[in-house]
């Protein structure tokens, strides 16, 4: 392995790793309650009852919603 001598390459490598990690955890963030919760609450305001227990989102699988009642 070649040593990284210039600080520019080091920052580029670190920022690339950080961007990759953020991209990898994006489905977990999007499927959290604070993202889909306001959408469910907006439907309640329009006299439509909808409750969702959990949403599971992964990169290579379909969206799964559990404990749905309409």
C-alpha atoms as a PDB file:
ATOM      1  CA  UNK A   1       0.000   0.000   0.000  1.00  0.00           C
ATOM      2  CA  UNK A   2       1.346   3.419  -0.939  1.00  0.00           C
ATOM      3  CA  UNK A   3       1.599   5.955   1.864  1.00  0.00           C
ATOM      4  CA  UNK A   4      -0.568   9.044   1.551  1.00  0.00           C
ATOM      5  CA  UNK A   5       1.840  11.948   1.833  1.00  0.00           C
ATOM      6  CA  UNK A   6      -0.107  15.008   0.772  1.00  0.00           C
ATOM      7  CA  UNK A   7      -2.809  16.447   3.036  1.00  0.00           C
ATOM      8  CA  UNK A   8      -5.085  17.007   0.027  1.00  0.00           C
ATOM      9  CA  UNK A   9      -5.326  13.290  -0.669  1.00  0.00           C
ATOM     10  CA  UNK A  10      -5.929  12.565   2.982  1.00  0.00           C
ATOM     11  CA  UNK A  11      -8.876  14.979   3.138  1.00  0.00           C
ATOM     12  CA  UNK A  12     -10.251  13.602  -0.112  1.00  0.00           C
ATOM     13  CA  UNK A  13     -10.076  10.062   1.257  1.00  0.00           C
ATOM     14  CA  UNK A  14     -11.702  11.035   4.567  1.00  0.00           C
ATOM     15  CA  UNK A  15     -14.489  12.967   2.860  1.00  0.00           C
ATOM     16  CA  UNK A  16     -15.091  10.047   0.480  1.00  0.00           C
ATOM     17  CA  UNK A  17     -15.444   7.636   3.392  1.00  0.00           C
ATOM     18  CA  UNK A  18     -17.823  10.007   5.212  1.00  0.00           C
ATOM     19  CA  UNK A  19     -19.973  10.423   2.082  1.00  0.00           C
ATOM     20  CA  UNK A  20     -20.076   6.643   1.614  1.00  0.00           C
ATOM     21  CA  UNK A  21     -21.182   6.097   5.216  1.00  0.00           C
ATOM     22  CA  UNK A  22     -23.899   8.761   4.935  1.00  0.00           C
ATOM     23  CA  UNK A  23     -25.106   7.201   1.678  1.00  0.00           C
ATOM     24  CA  UNK A  24     -25.149   3.737   3.292  1.00  0.00           C
ATOM     25  CA  UNK A  25     -27.297   4.827   6.266  1.00  0.00           C
ATOM     26  CA  UNK A  26     -29.700   6.897   4.148  1.00  0.00           C
ATOM     27  CA  UNK A  27     -32.446   4.182   4.060  1.00  0.00           C
ATOM     28  CA  UNK A  28     -32.357   3.925   7.853  1.00  0.00           C
ATOM     29  CA  UNK A  29     -32.779   7.690   8.195  1.00  0.00           C
ATOM     30  CA  UNK A  30     -35.596   7.882   5.632  1.00  0.00           C
ATOM     31  CA  UNK A  31     -37.500   5.001   7.219  1.00  0.00           C
ATOM     32  CA  UNK A  32     -37.366   6.548  10.685  1.00  0.00           C
ATOM     33  CA  UNK A  33     -40.541   7.776  12.360  1.00  0.00           C
ATOM     34  CA  UNK A  34     -39.634  11.481  12.197  1.00  0.00           C
ATOM     35  CA  UNK A  35     -39.580  11.342   8.376  1.00  0.00           C
ATOM     36  CA  UNK A  36     -42.822   9.480   7.621  1.00  0.00           C
ATOM     37  CA  UNK A  37     -44.627  10.666  10.781  1.00  0.00           C
ATOM     38  CA  UNK A  38     -45.570  14.116   9.420  1.00  0.00           C
ATOM     39  CA  UNK A  39     -47.080  12.481   6.318  1.00  0.00           C
ATOM     40  CA  UNK A  40     -49.282  10.271   8.470  1.00  0.00           C
ATOM     41  CA  UNK A  41     -50.257  13.252  10.649  1.00  0.00           C
ATOM     42  CA  UNK A  42     -51.231  15.282   7.579  1.00  0.00           C
ATOM     43  CA  UNK A  43     -53.639  12.533   6.532  1.00  0.00           C
ATOM     44  CA  UNK A  44     -55.206  12.627  10.016  1.00  0.00           C
ATOM     45  CA  UNK A  45     -55.872  16.342   9.570  1.00  0.00           C
ATOM     46  CA  UNK A  46     -57.959  15.577   6.477  1.00  0.00           C
ATOM     47  CA  UNK A  47     -60.335  13.220   8.390  1.00  0.00           C
ATOM     48  CA  UNK A  48     -58.534  10.129   7.179  1.00  0.00           C
ATOM     49  CA  UNK A  49     -57.324   7.701   9.827  1.00  0.00           C
ATOM     50  CA  UNK A  50     -54.062   5.937   9.060  1.00  0.00           C
ATOM     51  CA  UNK A  51     -51.574   4.454  11.492  1.00  0.00           C
ATOM     52  CA  UNK A  52     -48.306   2.761  10.600  1.00  0.00           C
ATOM     53  CA  UNK A  53     -46.375   0.729  13.138  1.00  0.00           C
ATOM     54  CA  UNK A  54     -43.024   0.538  11.344  1.00  0.00           C
ATOM     55  CA  UNK A  55     -41.437   1.155   7.967  1.00  0.00           C
ATOM     56  CA  UNK A  56     -38.392  -0.813   6.839  1.00  0.00           C
ATOM     57  CA  UNK A  57     -36.409   0.446   3.892  1.00  0.00           C
ATOM     58  CA  UNK A  58     -33.245  -1.120   2.465  1.00  0.00           C
ATOM     59  CA  UNK A  59     -31.273  -0.439  -0.691  1.00  0.00           C
ATOM     60  CA  UNK A  60     -31.853  -3.776  -2.407  1.00  0.00           C
ATOM     61  CA  UNK A  61     -35.241  -4.831  -1.063  1.00  0.00           C
ATOM     62  CA  UNK A  62     -38.800  -3.528  -1.274  1.00  0.00           C
ATOM     63  CA  UNK A  63     -40.313  -1.159   1.263  1.00  0.00           C
ATOM     64  CA  UNK A  64     -41.994  -3.009   4.144  1.00  0.00           C
ATOM     65  CA  UNK A  65     -44.702  -1.417   6.279  1.00  0.00           C
ATOM     66  CA  UNK A  66     -45.943  -3.185   9.388  1.00  0.00           C
ATOM     67  CA  UNK A  67     -49.005  -2.775  11.607  1.00  0.00           C
ATOM     68  CA  UNK A  68     -51.029  -0.649   9.178  1.00  0.00           C
ATOM     69  CA  UNK A  69     -54.587   0.315  10.013  1.00  0.00           C
ATOM     70  CA  UNK A  70     -56.825   2.450   7.806  1.00  0.00           C
END
